[in-house]
C-alpha cells in the first residue's frame, strides 16, 4: 500500500471516524484547504458539526486510488440522526450516504481537498415527515 493510500485511510479512520482534532496535526499540512467548505469553516468545524448530529457516524472506505500527488477516496457513511444538524432536530432515523474526496498531498501530508457527498440525499433522509 502506498504512502498516499495509508495517509488517506488514516484521515478517515483517525479523524473522520473519531472526530479527534488532534489527528489533524499529524495528517494535514499547514494551510490545508478544503475547497468545498464555506469561507472561515475549518475541517475541525465541519466534522464537529457533522458528528453533533450523527455522533455514531461510521465512515467506511470503499476505494482508494492514488496517482502522483493526488489520492481519491470513495466512502460511505452510516449513522443515526440523534443530534441537531443544520437546524433539523434529531429524528432517530438511520441514514446512509456516499461520497468521494480527492486530496492533494505535499510533503507527506494532505494539503488540499475537494469533497463531494450526497448532501441533498442526507437532508432528505432527515427531513420532517409531511
C-alpha atoms as a PDB file:
ATOM      1  CA  UNK A   1       0.000   0.000   0.000  1.00  0.00           C
ATOM      2  CA  UNK A   2       1.400   3.399  -0.972  1.00  0.00           C
ATOM      3  CA  UNK A   3       2.035   6.296   1.380  1.00  0.00           C
ATOM      4  CA  UNK A   4      -0.896   8.151  -0.228  1.00  0.00           C
ATOM      5  CA  UNK A   5      -3.232   5.206   0.426  1.00  0.00           C
ATOM      6  CA  UNK A   6      -2.083   4.998   4.040  1.00  0.00           C
ATOM      7  CA  UNK A   7      -2.460   8.743   4.589  1.00  0.00           C
ATOM      8  CA  UNK A   8      -5.981   8.790   3.147  1.00  0.00           C
ATOM      9  CA  UNK A   9      -7.064   5.760   5.164  1.00  0.00           C
ATOM     10  CA  UNK A  10      -5.621   7.302   8.347  1.00  0.00           C
ATOM     11  CA  UNK A  11      -7.559  10.527   7.678  1.00  0.00           C
ATOM     12  CA  UNK A  12     -10.797   8.530   7.526  1.00  0.00           C
ATOM     13  CA  UNK A  13     -10.050   6.254  10.479  1.00  0.00           C
ATOM     14  CA  UNK A  14      -8.247   8.660  12.820  1.00  0.00           C
ATOM     15  CA  UNK A  15     -10.114  11.891  12.103  1.00  0.00           C
ATOM     16  CA  UNK A  16     -13.454  11.361  10.380  1.00  0.00           C
ATOM     17  CA  UNK A  17     -14.430   8.278  12.393  1.00  0.00           C
ATOM     18  CA  UNK A  18     -13.399   9.705  15.744  1.00  0.00           C
ATOM     19  CA  UNK A  19     -13.771  13.453  15.302  1.00  0.00           C
ATOM     20  CA  UNK A  20     -10.443  13.767  17.125  1.00  0.00           C
ATOM     21  CA  UNK A  21      -8.983  17.135  16.078  1.00  0.00           C
ATOM     22  CA  UNK A  22      -5.519  16.136  17.348  1.00  0.00           C
ATOM     23  CA  UNK A  23      -5.276  13.684  14.452  1.00  0.00           C
ATOM     24  CA  UNK A  24      -5.314  16.589  12.024  1.00  0.00           C
ATOM     25  CA  UNK A  25      -1.930  17.839  13.180  1.00  0.00           C
ATOM     26  CA  UNK A  26      -0.361  14.595  12.006  1.00  0.00           C
ATOM     27  CA  UNK A  27      -2.284  14.327   8.752  1.00  0.00           C
ATOM     28  CA  UNK A  28      -2.754  17.771   7.214  1.00  0.00           C
ATOM     29  CA  UNK A  29      -0.276  20.386   6.083  1.00  0.00           C
ATOM     30  CA  UNK A  30      -0.318  23.922   7.472  1.00  0.00           C
ATOM     31  CA  UNK A  31      -2.757  25.936   5.386  1.00  0.00           C
ATOM     32  CA  UNK A  32      -4.821  22.847   4.466  1.00  0.00           C
ATOM     33  CA  UNK A  33      -7.623  23.973   2.160  1.00  0.00           C
ATOM     34  CA  UNK A  34     -10.934  22.199   1.660  1.00  0.00           C
ATOM     35  CA  UNK A  35     -12.357  23.796  -1.473  1.00  0.00           C
ATOM     36  CA  UNK A  36     -15.902  22.747  -0.586  1.00  0.00           C
ATOM     37  CA  UNK A  37     -16.147  24.339   2.855  1.00  0.00           C
ATOM     38  CA  UNK A  38     -17.551  27.842   3.231  1.00  0.00           C
ATOM     39  CA  UNK A  39     -15.023  30.575   3.933  1.00  0.00           C
ATOM     40  CA  UNK A  40     -13.902  30.534   7.556  1.00  0.00           C
ATOM     41  CA  UNK A  41     -15.113  26.972   8.230  1.00  0.00           C
ATOM     42  CA  UNK A  42     -12.288  24.591   9.076  1.00  0.00           C
ATOM     43  CA  UNK A  43     -12.281  20.799   8.733  1.00  0.00           C
ATOM     44  CA  UNK A  44     -12.482  20.659  12.537  1.00  0.00           C
ATOM     45  CA  UNK A  45     -15.599  22.841  12.483  1.00  0.00           C
ATOM     46  CA  UNK A  46     -17.164  20.761   9.742  1.00  0.00           C
ATOM     47  CA  UNK A  47     -16.629  17.347  11.302  1.00  0.00           C
ATOM     48  CA  UNK A  48     -17.620  18.666  14.749  1.00  0.00           C
ATOM     49  CA  UNK A  49     -20.951  19.902  13.341  1.00  0.00           C
ATOM     50  CA  UNK A  50     -21.494  16.651  11.464  1.00  0.00           C
ATOM     51  CA  UNK A  51     -20.697  14.488  14.473  1.00  0.00           C
ATOM     52  CA  UNK A  52     -23.001  16.622  16.685  1.00  0.00           C
ATOM     53  CA  UNK A  53     -25.897  15.486  14.505  1.00  0.00           C
ATOM     54  CA  UNK A  54     -24.553  11.993  13.881  1.00  0.00           C
ATOM     55  CA  UNK A  55     -22.255  11.069  16.792  1.00  0.00           C
ATOM     56  CA  UNK A  56     -22.109   7.396  15.810  1.00  0.00           C
ATOM     57  CA  UNK A  57     -21.175   8.142  12.175  1.00  0.00           C
ATOM     58  CA  UNK A  58     -19.117   5.359  10.648  1.00  0.00           C
ATOM     59  CA  UNK A  59     -17.145   6.251   7.530  1.00  0.00           C
ATOM     60  CA  UNK A  60     -16.179   3.182   5.524  1.00  0.00           C
ATOM     61  CA  UNK A  61     -13.561   3.368   2.810  1.00  0.00           C
ATOM     62  CA  UNK A  62     -14.819   1.672  -0.362  1.00  0.00           C
ATOM     63  CA  UNK A  63     -11.989   2.560  -2.751  1.00  0.00           C
ATOM     64  CA  UNK A  64      -8.699   4.438  -2.715  1.00  0.00           C
ATOM     65  CA  UNK A  65      -6.927   5.383  -5.922  1.00  0.00           C
ATOM     66  CA  UNK A  66      -3.662   7.323  -5.964  1.00  0.00           C
ATOM     67  CA  UNK A  67      -1.526   8.824  -8.682  1.00  0.00           C
ATOM     68  CA  UNK A  68       1.287  11.365  -8.468  1.00  0.00           C
ATOM     69  CA  UNK A  69       0.342  13.899  -5.749  1.00  0.00           C
ATOM     70  CA  UNK A  70      -3.396  13.035  -5.654  1.00  0.00           C
ATOM     71  CA  UNK A  71      -5.398  10.419  -3.818  1.00  0.00           C
ATOM     72  CA  UNK A  72      -9.131   9.787  -4.251  1.00  0.00           C
ATOM     73  CA  UNK A  73     -11.258   8.106  -1.618  1.00  0.00           C
ATOM     74  CA  UNK A  74     -14.754   6.752  -2.222  1.00  0.00           C
ATOM     75  CA  UNK A  75     -16.581   6.188   1.040  1.00  0.00           C
ATOM     76  CA  UNK A  76     -19.950   5.540   2.602  1.00  0.00           C
ATOM     77  CA  UNK A  77     -21.325   6.823   5.873  1.00  0.00           C
ATOM     78  CA  UNK A  78     -23.870   5.084   8.082  1.00  0.00           C
ATOM     79  CA  UNK A  79     -25.228   6.897  11.119  1.00  0.00           C
ATOM     80  CA  UNK A  80     -28.244   7.625  13.288  1.00  0.00           C
ATOM     81  CA  UNK A  81     -29.537  11.203  13.434  1.00  0.00           C
ATOM     82  CA  UNK A  82     -29.517  11.785  17.209  1.00  0.00           C
ATOM     83  CA  UNK A  83     -28.490  15.446  17.363  1.00  0.00           C
ATOM     84  CA  UNK A  84     -29.431  18.693  15.687  1.00  0.00           C
ATOM     85  CA  UNK A  85     -27.967  19.089  12.196  1.00  0.00           C
ATOM     86  CA  UNK A  86     -28.281  22.308  10.197  1.00  0.00           C
ATOM     87  CA  UNK A  87     -31.329  23.223  12.249  1.00  0.00           C
ATOM     88  CA  UNK A  88     -33.054  19.853  11.847  1.00  0.00           C
ATOM     89  CA  UNK A  89     -33.825  18.421  15.280  1.00  0.00           C
ATOM     90  CA  UNK A  90     -32.915  14.764  15.929  1.00  0.00           C
ATOM     91  CA  UNK A  91     -35.181  12.276  14.162  1.00  0.00           C
ATOM     92  CA  UNK A  92     -33.624   8.996  15.263  1.00  0.00           C
ATOM     93  CA  UNK A  93     -33.509   7.948  11.608  1.00  0.00           C
ATOM     94  CA  UNK A  94     -30.750   5.759  10.249  1.00  0.00           C
ATOM     95  CA  UNK A  95     -29.041   7.435   7.299  1.00  0.00           C
ATOM     96  CA  UNK A  96     -26.747   6.183   4.567  1.00  0.00           C
ATOM     97  CA  UNK A  97     -24.811   8.478   2.262  1.00  0.00           C
ATOM     98  CA  UNK A  98     -21.903   8.133  -0.101  1.00  0.00           C
ATOM     99  CA  UNK A  99     -19.154  10.474  -1.153  1.00  0.00           C
ATOM    100  CA  UNK A 100     -15.858  10.965  -2.892  1.00  0.00           C
ATOM    101  CA  UNK A 101     -12.940  13.092  -1.738  1.00  0.00           C
ATOM    102  CA  UNK A 102      -9.849  13.962  -3.735  1.00  0.00           C
ATOM    103  CA  UNK A 103      -6.792  15.137  -1.838  1.00  0.00           C
ATOM    104  CA  UNK A 104      -3.538  16.729  -2.957  1.00  0.00           C
ATOM    105  CA  UNK A 105      -0.506  15.670  -0.953  1.00  0.00           C
ATOM    106  CA  UNK A 106       2.530  17.815  -0.208  1.00  0.00           C
ATOM    107  CA  UNK A 107       5.483  16.509   1.822  1.00  0.00           C
ATOM    108  CA  UNK A 108       3.523  13.510   3.105  1.00  0.00           C
ATOM    109  CA  UNK A 109       0.506  15.478   4.329  1.00  0.00           C
ATOM    110  CA  UNK A 110      -2.901  16.350   2.933  1.00  0.00           C
ATOM    111  CA  UNK A 111      -2.743  19.907   1.585  1.00  0.00           C
ATOM    112  CA  UNK A 112      -5.983  20.363  -0.384  1.00  0.00           C
ATOM    113  CA  UNK A 113      -9.334  18.618  -0.608  1.00  0.00           C
ATOM    114  CA  UNK A 114     -12.261  18.506  -2.982  1.00  0.00           C
ATOM    115  CA  UNK A 115     -15.137  16.779  -1.214  1.00  0.00           C
ATOM    116  CA  UNK A 116     -18.449  15.712  -2.706  1.00  0.00           C
ATOM    117  CA  UNK A 117     -21.037  13.772  -0.761  1.00  0.00           C
ATOM    118  CA  UNK A 118     -24.776  13.394  -1.145  1.00  0.00           C
ATOM    119  CA  UNK A 119     -25.843  16.374   0.954  1.00  0.00           C
ATOM    120  CA  UNK A 120     -29.298  16.571  -0.652  1.00  0.00           C
ATOM    121  CA  UNK A 121     -29.854  12.874  -0.011  1.00  0.00           C
ATOM    122  CA  UNK A 122     -28.789  13.279   3.598  1.00  0.00           C
ATOM    123  CA  UNK A 123     -31.139  16.204   4.181  1.00  0.00           C
ATOM    124  CA  UNK A 124     -33.989  14.275   2.506  1.00  0.00           C
ATOM    125  CA  UNK A 125     -33.403  11.326   4.859  1.00  0.00           C
ATOM    126  CA  UNK A 126     -33.736  13.536   7.950  1.00  0.00           C
ATOM    127  CA  UNK A 127     -36.458  15.871   6.655  1.00  0.00           C
ATOM    128  CA  UNK A 128     -39.541  16.079   8.866  1.00  0.00           C
ATOM    129  CA  UNK A 129     -42.357  13.788   7.723  1.00  0.00           C
ATOM    130  CA  UNK A 130     -45.084  15.621   5.852  1.00  0.00           C
END
